[in-house]
Amino acid sequence: MTPDLHCLGIADAAQLIAARKLSPVEYVDALLVRIETFDPQLDAFITVTADIARSQARQAETEIMSRRYRGPLHGIPFALKDIYATKGIRTSGGSRVCAENIPNADATTTQRLFDAGAVLLGKLQTHEFAHGGPSFDVLRPPARNPWHLEHFTGGSSSGSGAALAAGMVPAAMGSDTGGSIRNPASHCGITGFMPT
């Protein structure tokens, strides 16, 4: 496969994985290298789940090669805004108050993605509790815009915008009540949809 796996859009990646022309394991490994390379400057991720991602990618590949394809998200790497509960994985809401919160169950959104065979690369930055503008007295420094490190990513799904624009993930879940997906999408030059 091409060394430019980070350039694949989600639809193209899904097509290649379904046709067994792209290995979910190879795809995840390439994106983890990209995260390791670029996230120290961008700070899009709060938590990287490399071991979980590799395990889920191996499972997806085994199922797909055995013709047990679950659908278009099977084997697709993604990341979650750090407000979605993930069983056994820290979910901080971007706040010092919940810095060590480890949920004992997955959010419905998280579980549905897992049921579809999607592969979790990690948890992404958010403004504290997905509310308001950036604050500098939070768990981590705010995510940076990959097009210009001194520019704002928008929010509150700041990590989602930065990670997608930098090619660290082909898909990310954010949340949007007052522009929290749409603002980072516009600031980072990507497409974002408000859930309805």
Protein backbone atom coordinates (compact mmCIF):
# COMPACT_ATOMS: atom_id res chain seq x y z
CA MET A 1 0.00 0.00 0.00
CA THR A 2 1.02 3.64 -0.37
CA PRO A 3 3.07 5.42 2.30
CA ASP A 4 0.47 8.25 2.25
CA LEU A 5 -2.19 6.39 4.22
CA HIS A 6 -2.82 9.52 6.31
CA CYS A 7 -4.25 11.18 3.18
CA LEU A 8 -7.04 8.62 2.77
CA GLY A 9 -10.54 9.88 3.37
CA ILE A 10 -12.88 7.67 5.35
CA ALA A 11 -14.88 6.57 2.27
CA ASP A 12 -11.76 5.57 0.32
CA ALA A 13 -10.29 3.77 3.33
CA ALA A 14 -13.56 1.88 3.90
CA GLN A 15 -13.65 0.81 0.26
CA LEU A 16 -10.05 -0.44 0.33
CA ILE A 17 -10.56 -2.29 3.62
CA ALA A 18 -13.77 -3.93 2.38
CA ALA A 19 -11.98 -5.05 -0.81
CA ARG A 20 -9.15 -6.43 1.35
CA LYS A 21 -6.66 -4.12 -0.37
CA LEU A 22 -5.81 -2.24 2.82
CA SER A 23 -4.88 -3.94 6.07
CA PRO A 24 -6.48 -2.35 9.15
CA VAL A 25 -3.28 -3.26 11.03
CA GLU A 26 -1.08 -1.47 8.48
CA TYR A 27 -3.43 1.52 8.49
CA VAL A 28 -3.46 1.81 12.29
CA ASP A 29 0.32 1.45 12.51
CA ALA A 30 0.80 4.24 9.94
CA LEU A 31 -1.56 6.56 11.82
CA LEU A 32 0.08 5.81 15.18
CA VAL A 33 3.43 6.84 13.67
CA ARG A 34 1.80 10.04 12.45
CA ILE A 35 0.34 10.71 15.91
CA GLU A 36 3.73 10.09 17.52
CA THR A 37 5.35 12.47 15.02
CA PHE A 38 2.89 15.37 15.04
CA ASP A 39 0.86 15.29 18.25
CA PRO A 40 3.68 16.60 20.47
CA GLN A 41 3.34 19.92 18.59
CA LEU A 42 -0.46 19.86 18.13
CA ASP A 43 -1.63 18.41 21.46
CA ALA A 44 -4.81 17.09 19.82
CA PHE A 45 -4.87 13.88 21.89
CA ILE A 46 -5.44 13.65 25.62
CA THR A 47 -4.98 9.86 25.55
CA VAL A 48 -3.55 7.66 22.78
CA THR A 49 -4.83 4.07 22.95
CA ALA A 50 -2.13 2.40 20.84
CA ASP A 51 -2.40 -1.08 22.38
CA ILE A 52 -6.20 -1.10 22.14
CA ALA A 53 -6.05 0.17 18.55
CA ARG A 54 -3.59 -2.53 17.50
CA SER A 55 -5.69 -5.23 19.15
CA GLN A 56 -8.93 -3.97 17.56
CA ALA A 57 -7.20 -3.66 14.16
CA ARG A 58 -5.95 -7.27 14.36
CA GLN A 59 -9.46 -8.44 15.26
CA ALA A 60 -10.99 -6.43 12.40
CA GLU A 61 -8.45 -7.80 9.93
CA THR A 62 -9.08 -11.39 11.04
CA GLU A 63 -12.85 -10.92 10.68
CA ILE A 64 -12.60 -9.20 7.29
CA MET A 65 -10.21 -11.81 5.90
CA SER A 66 -12.66 -14.49 7.14
CA ARG A 67 -15.46 -12.74 5.20
CA ARG A 68 -17.18 -11.53 8.37
CA TYR A 69 -17.30 -7.91 7.23
CA ARG A 70 -19.50 -5.77 9.53
CA GLY A 71 -19.96 -2.75 7.27
CA PRO A 72 -18.29 0.51 6.21
CA LEU A 73 -16.76 1.36 9.62
CA HIS A 74 -15.17 -2.07 10.07
CA GLY A 75 -11.42 -1.56 10.50
CA ILE A 76 -11.67 2.24 10.28
CA PRO A 77 -9.54 4.07 12.87
CA PHE A 78 -11.25 6.91 14.74
CA ALA A 79 -10.82 9.05 17.83
CA LEU A 80 -13.34 10.36 20.35
CA LYS A 81 -13.72 13.77 21.91
CA ASP A 82 -12.83 13.24 25.56
CA ILE A 83 -16.42 13.63 26.74
CA TYR A 84 -17.55 10.22 25.43
CA ALA A 85 -17.29 7.55 28.11
CA THR A 86 -14.92 4.70 27.30
CA LYS A 87 -14.91 1.69 29.60
CA GLY A 88 -11.53 1.35 31.29
CA ILE A 89 -10.07 4.39 29.49
CA ARG A 90 -9.75 7.80 31.10
CA THR A 91 -12.54 10.23 30.19
CA SER A 92 -11.63 13.63 31.63
CA GLY A 93 -13.96 16.04 29.85
CA GLY A 94 -10.84 18.19 29.49
CA SER A 95 -11.03 19.09 33.18
CA ARG A 96 -8.70 18.71 36.14
CA VAL A 97 -11.80 17.79 38.17
CA CYS A 98 -12.19 14.54 36.18
CA ALA A 99 -8.52 14.00 35.31
CA GLU A 100 -8.53 10.45 36.70
CA ASN A 101 -12.11 9.46 35.78
CA ILE A 102 -12.17 5.88 34.43
CA PRO A 103 -15.73 4.96 33.34
CA ASN A 104 -17.04 1.45 33.94
CA ALA A 105 -19.17 1.49 30.77
CA ASP A 106 -19.01 2.84 27.23
CA ALA A 107 -21.24 5.67 26.03
CA THR A 108 -23.86 4.55 23.51
CA THR A 109 -21.93 6.29 20.70
CA THR A 110 -18.71 4.54 21.72
CA GLN A 111 -20.40 1.14 21.90
CA ARG A 112 -22.05 1.56 18.50
CA LEU A 113 -18.71 2.40 16.92
CA PHE A 114 -17.14 -0.67 18.53
CA ASP A 115 -20.08 -2.84 17.39
CA ALA A 116 -19.48 -1.59 13.83
CA GLY A 117 -15.84 -2.72 14.10
CA ALA A 118 -14.27 0.75 14.25
CA VAL A 119 -10.80 1.03 15.83
CA LEU A 120 -10.16 3.51 18.68
CA LEU A 121 -6.89 5.46 18.34
CA GLY A 122 -7.54 7.64 21.38
CA LYS A 123 -9.34 10.45 23.14
CA LEU A 124 -9.19 14.02 21.84
CA GLN A 125 -8.87 17.45 23.43
CA THR A 126 -11.96 19.43 24.30
CA HIS A 127 -12.57 22.71 26.01
CA GLU A 128 -13.41 21.99 29.62
CA PHE A 129 -16.64 19.96 29.72
CA ALA A 130 -17.19 20.92 26.04
CA HIS A 131 -18.30 24.37 27.13
CA GLY A 132 -17.16 27.85 26.23
CA GLY A 133 -13.88 29.00 24.78
CA PRO A 134 -10.39 27.80 25.55
CA SER A 135 -9.08 28.14 29.06
CA PHE A 136 -5.48 27.91 30.09
CA ASP A 137 -6.10 26.52 33.58
CA VAL A 138 -7.15 23.08 32.40
CA LEU A 139 -5.82 19.55 32.21
CA ARG A 140 -3.69 20.19 29.11
CA PRO A 141 -2.71 23.14 26.93
CA PRO A 142 -5.25 23.78 24.17
CA ALA A 143 -4.92 21.91 20.87
CA ARG A 144 -3.06 23.80 18.16
CA ASN A 145 -4.12 24.40 14.58
CA PRO A 146 -1.99 22.22 12.26
CA TRP A 147 -1.94 24.90 9.56
CA HIS A 148 -0.40 27.48 11.90
CA LEU A 149 0.57 26.49 15.43
CA GLU A 150 -0.20 29.92 16.88
CA HIS A 151 -3.73 29.95 15.45
CA PHE A 152 -6.82 28.81 17.30
CA THR A 153 -8.51 25.50 16.37
CA GLY A 154 -11.96 26.61 17.39
CA GLY A 155 -13.93 24.59 19.87
CA SER A 156 -15.06 22.90 21.78
CA SER A 157 -14.12 19.85 19.66
CA SER A 158 -10.63 21.31 19.25
CA GLY A 159 -8.74 18.01 19.25
CA SER A 160 -11.10 16.55 16.65
CA GLY A 161 -10.45 19.44 14.27
CA ALA A 162 -6.68 19.37 14.77
CA ALA A 163 -6.35 15.57 14.51
CA LEU A 164 -8.40 15.35 11.32
CA ALA A 165 -6.67 18.29 9.62
CA ALA A 166 -3.24 16.85 10.46
CA GLY A 167 -4.12 13.44 9.01
CA MET A 168 -3.74 11.67 12.35
CA VAL A 169 -7.24 10.14 12.06
CA PRO A 170 -9.66 9.69 9.15
CA ALA A 171 -12.67 10.18 11.45
CA ALA A 172 -13.38 11.75 14.82
CA MET A 173 -16.42 12.16 17.03
CA GLY A 174 -17.08 15.58 18.46
CA SER A 175 -20.22 17.16 19.89
CA ASP A 176 -22.06 20.29 18.81
CA THR A 177 -24.67 22.44 20.53
CA GLY A 178 -23.47 25.91 19.56
CA GLY A 179 -20.86 25.24 16.88
CA SER A 180 -18.49 22.91 18.72
CA ILE A 181 -17.91 20.72 15.64
CA ARG A 182 -18.52 23.32 12.95
CA ASN A 183 -16.12 25.93 14.38
CA PRO A 184 -13.06 23.63 14.55
CA ALA A 185 -13.93 22.29 11.10
CA SER A 186 -13.96 25.79 9.62
CA HIS A 187 -10.81 26.89 11.50
CA CYS A 188 -8.90 23.76 10.45
CA GLY A 189 -10.13 23.49 6.85
CA ILE A 190 -12.07 20.23 7.16
CA THR A 191 -15.71 19.12 7.03
CA GLY A 192 -17.76 18.75 10.20
CA PHE A 193 -21.39 17.81 10.70
CA MET A 194 -23.63 18.85 13.57
CA PRO A 195 -25.51 15.82 14.91
CA THR A 196 -29.28 16.05 14.45
